[in-house]
N, C-alpha and C. Protein backbone atom coordinates (compact mmCIF):
# COMPACT_ATOMS: atom_id res chain seq x y z
N UNK A 1 111.64 50.51 82.56
CA UNK A 1 110.61 51.50 82.52
C UNK A 1 109.29 50.90 82.98
N UNK A 2 108.96 49.72 82.55
CA UNK A 2 107.71 49.10 82.92
C UNK A 2 107.68 48.75 84.40
N UNK A 3 108.83 48.37 84.97
CA UNK A 3 108.90 48.03 86.39
C UNK A 3 108.56 49.25 87.24
N UNK A 4 109.02 50.45 86.82
CA UNK A 4 108.70 51.65 87.58
C UNK A 4 107.22 51.96 87.52
N UNK A 5 106.59 51.73 86.35
CA UNK A 5 105.16 51.96 86.21
C UNK A 5 104.37 51.04 87.13
N UNK A 6 104.79 49.80 87.26
CA UNK A 6 104.11 48.85 88.13
C UNK A 6 104.29 49.28 89.58
N UNK A 7 105.49 49.71 89.95
CA UNK A 7 105.75 50.12 91.33
C UNK A 7 104.85 51.27 91.74
N UNK A 8 104.52 52.18 90.82
CA UNK A 8 103.67 53.31 91.14
C UNK A 8 102.27 52.86 91.53
N UNK A 9 101.82 51.72 91.02
CA UNK A 9 100.48 51.23 91.30
C UNK A 9 100.42 50.37 92.56
N UNK A 10 101.55 50.00 93.11
CA UNK A 10 101.58 49.16 94.30
C UNK A 10 101.39 49.99 95.55
N UNK A 11 100.82 49.38 96.57
CA UNK A 11 100.69 50.07 97.85
C UNK A 11 102.08 50.20 98.48
N UNK A 12 102.19 51.06 99.48
CA UNK A 12 103.50 51.26 100.10
C UNK A 12 103.98 49.99 100.78
N UNK A 13 103.06 49.19 101.35
CA UNK A 13 103.45 47.93 101.99
C UNK A 13 104.02 46.96 100.94
N UNK A 14 103.38 46.90 99.77
CA UNK A 14 103.86 46.02 98.71
C UNK A 14 105.21 46.49 98.20
N UNK A 15 105.40 47.80 98.09
CA UNK A 15 106.69 48.33 97.65
C UNK A 15 107.79 47.99 98.65
N UNK A 16 107.47 48.07 99.94
CA UNK A 16 108.45 47.74 100.98
C UNK A 16 108.82 46.25 100.91
N UNK A 17 107.83 45.39 100.71
CA UNK A 17 108.10 43.95 100.59
C UNK A 17 108.98 43.67 99.37
N UNK A 18 108.69 44.36 98.27
CA UNK A 18 109.48 44.16 97.05
C UNK A 18 110.92 44.62 97.26
N UNK A 19 111.12 45.73 97.92
CA UNK A 19 112.47 46.22 98.20
C UNK A 19 113.21 45.25 99.11
N UNK A 20 112.52 44.73 100.14
CA UNK A 20 113.15 43.77 101.05
C UNK A 20 113.53 42.49 100.32
N UNK A 21 112.64 42.01 99.44
CA UNK A 21 112.92 40.79 98.67
C UNK A 21 114.12 41.01 97.75
N UNK A 22 114.19 42.19 97.12
CA UNK A 22 115.30 42.48 96.22
C UNK A 22 116.62 42.54 96.99
N UNK A 23 116.62 43.14 98.18
CA UNK A 23 117.83 43.19 98.98
C UNK A 23 118.29 41.80 99.37
N UNK A 24 117.34 40.92 99.71
CA UNK A 24 117.69 39.54 100.08
C UNK A 24 118.27 38.81 98.86
N UNK A 25 117.69 39.03 97.67
CA UNK A 25 118.20 38.37 96.47
C UNK A 25 119.58 38.89 96.09
N UNK A 26 119.83 40.17 96.35
CA UNK A 26 121.13 40.75 96.02
C UNK A 26 122.26 40.12 96.83
N UNK A 27 121.94 39.58 98.00
CA UNK A 27 122.96 38.96 98.83
C UNK A 27 123.20 37.49 98.48
N UNK A 28 122.30 36.89 97.69
CA UNK A 28 122.53 35.52 97.24
C UNK A 28 123.76 35.50 96.34
N UNK A 29 124.38 34.35 96.20
CA UNK A 29 125.58 34.31 95.38
C UNK A 29 125.51 33.19 94.35
N UNK A 30 126.25 33.37 93.27
CA UNK A 30 126.34 32.36 92.22
C UNK A 30 127.22 31.22 92.68
N UNK A 31 128.49 31.47 92.75
CA UNK A 31 129.47 30.50 93.24
C UNK A 31 130.56 31.28 93.94
N UNK A 32 131.03 30.76 95.03
CA UNK A 32 132.09 31.45 95.76
C UNK A 32 131.62 32.82 96.21
N UNK A 33 132.45 33.81 96.04
CA UNK A 33 132.08 35.14 96.52
C UNK A 33 131.34 36.01 95.50
N UNK A 34 130.90 35.45 94.39
CA UNK A 34 130.23 36.25 93.36
C UNK A 34 128.74 36.34 93.68
N UNK A 35 128.29 37.52 94.08
CA UNK A 35 126.88 37.71 94.42
C UNK A 35 126.09 38.11 93.18
N UNK A 36 124.78 37.98 93.27
CA UNK A 36 123.93 38.42 92.17
C UNK A 36 124.05 39.92 91.96
N UNK A 37 124.21 40.68 93.03
CA UNK A 37 124.37 42.13 92.90
C UNK A 37 125.64 42.46 92.13
N UNK A 38 126.73 41.76 92.40
CA UNK A 38 127.97 41.98 91.66
C UNK A 38 127.76 41.66 90.19
N UNK A 39 127.09 40.53 89.93
CA UNK A 39 126.85 40.11 88.56
C UNK A 39 126.03 41.15 87.80
N UNK A 40 125.00 41.70 88.46
CA UNK A 40 124.16 42.72 87.81
C UNK A 40 124.95 43.97 87.46
N UNK A 41 125.89 44.33 88.30
CA UNK A 41 126.64 45.56 88.06
C UNK A 41 127.84 45.36 87.12
N UNK A 42 128.28 44.13 86.90
CA UNK A 42 129.47 43.89 86.08
C UNK A 42 129.22 43.17 84.76
N UNK A 43 128.07 42.57 84.58
CA UNK A 43 127.76 41.86 83.34
C UNK A 43 126.58 42.57 82.67
N UNK A 44 126.84 43.34 81.61
CA UNK A 44 125.77 44.13 81.01
C UNK A 44 124.78 43.32 80.16
N UNK A 45 125.18 42.17 79.67
CA UNK A 45 124.33 41.38 78.78
C UNK A 45 123.31 40.57 79.58
N UNK A 46 122.02 40.83 79.35
CA UNK A 46 120.95 40.14 80.07
C UNK A 46 120.95 38.64 79.80
N UNK A 47 121.27 38.25 78.58
CA UNK A 47 121.29 36.82 78.23
C UNK A 47 122.36 36.09 79.03
N UNK A 48 123.54 36.67 79.11
CA UNK A 48 124.63 36.06 79.87
C UNK A 48 124.26 35.94 81.35
N UNK A 49 123.64 36.98 81.89
CA UNK A 49 123.23 36.93 83.30
C UNK A 49 122.21 35.83 83.53
N UNK A 50 121.23 35.70 82.64
CA UNK A 50 120.21 34.66 82.82
C UNK A 50 120.84 33.27 82.74
N UNK A 51 121.75 33.07 81.81
CA UNK A 51 122.40 31.76 81.69
C UNK A 51 123.18 31.43 82.96
N UNK A 52 123.91 32.42 83.50
CA UNK A 52 124.66 32.19 84.74
C UNK A 52 123.72 31.87 85.91
N UNK A 53 122.64 32.62 86.02
CA UNK A 53 121.68 32.37 87.10
C UNK A 53 121.04 31.00 86.94
N UNK A 54 120.60 30.69 85.73
CA UNK A 54 119.96 29.38 85.50
C UNK A 54 120.93 28.25 85.78
N UNK A 55 122.18 28.42 85.36
CA UNK A 55 123.19 27.38 85.60
C UNK A 55 123.42 27.18 87.10
N UNK A 56 123.44 28.28 87.85
CA UNK A 56 123.62 28.18 89.30
C UNK A 56 122.46 27.42 89.94
N UNK A 57 121.23 27.72 89.53
CA UNK A 57 120.08 27.03 90.10
C UNK A 57 120.00 25.58 89.64
N UNK A 58 120.46 25.29 88.42
CA UNK A 58 120.53 23.90 87.95
C UNK A 58 121.50 23.11 88.83
N UNK A 59 122.64 23.73 89.14
CA UNK A 59 123.61 23.06 90.00
C UNK A 59 123.05 22.85 91.41
N UNK A 60 122.30 23.82 91.92
CA UNK A 60 121.71 23.70 93.25
C UNK A 60 120.70 22.55 93.28
N UNK A 61 119.85 22.48 92.26
CA UNK A 61 118.80 21.47 92.21
C UNK A 61 119.30 20.13 91.68
N UNK A 62 120.53 20.09 91.17
CA UNK A 62 121.13 18.86 90.65
C UNK A 62 120.25 18.21 89.58
N UNK A 63 119.76 19.06 88.68
CA UNK A 63 118.93 18.61 87.58
C UNK A 63 119.31 19.41 86.35
N UNK A 64 119.33 18.81 85.16
CA UNK A 64 119.72 19.58 83.98
C UNK A 64 118.63 20.52 83.48
N UNK A 65 117.43 20.46 84.06
CA UNK A 65 116.28 21.24 83.57
C UNK A 65 115.58 21.92 84.75
N UNK A 66 115.30 23.22 84.60
CA UNK A 66 114.55 23.94 85.62
C UNK A 66 113.50 24.83 84.96
N UNK A 67 112.50 25.20 85.75
CA UNK A 67 111.48 26.13 85.30
C UNK A 67 111.93 27.54 85.69
N UNK A 68 111.99 28.44 84.72
CA UNK A 68 112.40 29.82 84.99
C UNK A 68 111.21 30.58 85.58
N UNK A 69 111.25 30.82 86.86
CA UNK A 69 110.20 31.55 87.55
C UNK A 69 110.59 33.02 87.69
N UNK A 70 109.72 33.79 88.27
CA UNK A 70 110.00 35.21 88.48
C UNK A 70 111.28 35.40 89.28
N UNK A 71 111.52 34.51 90.23
CA UNK A 71 112.73 34.60 91.05
C UNK A 71 113.98 34.54 90.18
N UNK A 72 114.03 33.63 89.23
CA UNK A 72 115.19 33.49 88.36
C UNK A 72 115.38 34.72 87.48
N UNK A 73 114.29 35.21 86.90
CA UNK A 73 114.37 36.39 86.04
C UNK A 73 114.83 37.60 86.84
N UNK A 74 114.31 37.77 88.05
CA UNK A 74 114.70 38.93 88.87
C UNK A 74 116.15 38.82 89.33
N UNK A 75 116.61 37.63 89.65
CA UNK A 75 118.01 37.46 90.03
C UNK A 75 118.94 37.83 88.87
N UNK A 76 118.47 37.64 87.65
CA UNK A 76 119.25 38.01 86.48
C UNK A 76 119.04 39.48 86.09
N UNK A 77 118.19 40.19 86.82
CA UNK A 77 117.96 41.60 86.55
C UNK A 77 117.05 41.85 85.37
N UNK A 78 116.21 40.88 85.03
CA UNK A 78 115.30 41.00 83.89
C UNK A 78 113.88 41.12 84.45
N UNK A 79 113.28 42.29 84.25
CA UNK A 79 111.98 42.53 84.88
C UNK A 79 110.84 42.75 83.90
N UNK A 80 111.13 42.95 82.61
CA UNK A 80 110.03 43.22 81.69
C UNK A 80 109.93 42.12 80.62
N UNK A 81 108.73 41.98 80.08
CA UNK A 81 108.45 40.92 79.12
C UNK A 81 109.22 41.07 77.81
N UNK A 82 109.45 42.30 77.38
CA UNK A 82 110.19 42.51 76.13
C UNK A 82 111.61 41.97 76.24
N UNK A 83 112.26 42.27 77.35
CA UNK A 83 113.62 41.77 77.54
C UNK A 83 113.62 40.26 77.64
N UNK A 84 112.63 39.69 78.32
CA UNK A 84 112.53 38.23 78.41
C UNK A 84 112.45 37.61 77.03
N UNK A 85 111.59 38.14 76.19
CA UNK A 85 111.43 37.55 74.85
C UNK A 85 112.69 37.71 74.02
N UNK A 86 113.40 38.85 74.16
CA UNK A 86 114.66 39.01 73.43
C UNK A 86 115.72 38.03 73.93
N UNK A 87 115.77 37.82 75.24
CA UNK A 87 116.73 36.88 75.81
C UNK A 87 116.44 35.46 75.34
N UNK A 88 115.18 35.08 75.34
CA UNK A 88 114.79 33.73 74.88
C UNK A 88 115.16 33.56 73.41
N UNK A 89 114.88 34.57 72.59
CA UNK A 89 115.21 34.49 71.17
C UNK A 89 116.72 34.38 70.96
N UNK A 90 117.50 35.13 71.73
CA UNK A 90 118.95 35.09 71.58
C UNK A 90 119.52 33.74 72.00
N UNK A 91 118.99 33.17 73.07
CA UNK A 91 119.45 31.84 73.51
C UNK A 91 119.15 30.81 72.43
N UNK A 92 117.94 30.85 71.88
CA UNK A 92 117.58 29.91 70.81
C UNK A 92 118.48 30.06 69.60
N UNK A 93 118.82 31.30 69.27
CA UNK A 93 119.60 31.59 68.08
C UNK A 93 121.08 31.26 68.25
N UNK A 94 121.64 31.53 69.43
CA UNK A 94 123.09 31.48 69.58
C UNK A 94 123.63 30.41 70.54
N UNK A 95 122.77 29.66 71.19
CA UNK A 95 123.23 28.69 72.19
C UNK A 95 122.68 27.30 71.88
N UNK A 96 123.36 26.54 71.02
CA UNK A 96 122.84 25.22 70.66
C UNK A 96 122.87 24.21 71.82
N UNK A 97 123.67 24.46 72.84
CA UNK A 97 123.75 23.55 73.97
C UNK A 97 122.69 23.78 75.03
N UNK A 98 121.82 24.75 74.79
CA UNK A 98 120.76 25.07 75.75
C UNK A 98 119.41 24.91 75.06
N UNK A 99 118.55 24.11 75.64
CA UNK A 99 117.21 23.90 75.10
C UNK A 99 116.21 24.73 75.90
N UNK A 100 115.29 25.37 75.21
CA UNK A 100 114.24 26.14 75.86
C UNK A 100 112.88 25.57 75.48
N UNK A 101 112.01 25.46 76.45
CA UNK A 101 110.64 25.05 76.22
C UNK A 101 109.78 26.23 76.68
N UNK A 102 109.47 27.13 75.74
CA UNK A 102 108.73 28.34 76.07
C UNK A 102 107.38 28.31 75.37
N UNK A 103 106.33 28.36 76.14
CA UNK A 103 104.98 28.42 75.58
C UNK A 103 104.33 29.69 76.11
N UNK A 104 103.56 30.34 75.26
CA UNK A 104 102.94 31.60 75.65
C UNK A 104 102.01 31.38 76.84
N UNK A 105 102.18 32.23 77.85
CA UNK A 105 101.35 32.14 79.05
C UNK A 105 101.84 31.13 80.06
N UNK A 106 102.94 30.47 79.80
CA UNK A 106 103.52 29.46 80.71
C UNK A 106 104.94 29.85 81.06
N UNK A 107 105.43 29.28 82.15
CA UNK A 107 106.84 29.49 82.52
C UNK A 107 107.72 28.78 81.50
N UNK A 108 108.86 29.36 81.24
CA UNK A 108 109.83 28.77 80.32
C UNK A 108 110.69 27.77 81.07
N UNK A 109 110.94 26.64 80.45
CA UNK A 109 111.87 25.65 80.99
C UNK A 109 113.17 25.78 80.24
N UNK A 110 114.27 25.69 80.97
CA UNK A 110 115.59 25.75 80.36
C UNK A 110 116.34 24.47 80.72
N UNK A 111 116.99 23.89 79.71
CA UNK A 111 117.73 22.64 79.92
C UNK A 111 119.11 22.79 79.31
N UNK A 112 120.12 22.41 80.08
CA UNK A 112 121.49 22.48 79.62
C UNK A 112 121.90 21.10 79.12
N UNK A 113 122.08 20.98 77.79
CA UNK A 113 122.53 19.71 77.21
C UNK A 113 123.99 19.48 77.53
N UNK A 114 124.80 20.50 77.29
CA UNK A 114 126.23 20.41 77.55
C UNK A 114 126.77 21.81 77.75
N UNK A 115 127.80 21.91 78.58
CA UNK A 115 128.45 23.20 78.79
C UNK A 115 129.93 23.02 78.95
């Protein structure tokens, strides 16, 4: 709901850039033939999607820790702050093998201890 409100305030050029960026992200893939678009349509849990996306980017960067930027959140289909905070709380509560370094006003860092 909040994403639609923001889109209404954007110029048409900004909306077109956002649509183009989203289409490009939808064609990116996790591993093998699994695209982010497929993941968004088949995995309803936002937390699971974020973990899969973060894990894919950790593997790409060959580092156990990454900074979750807007790109990562959007690839997981998470666009509003409320959902982000619920996802962070659920990871902290239910995933002991994943460490989060979240500070208010800063990007969250995610680190995979073991999987």
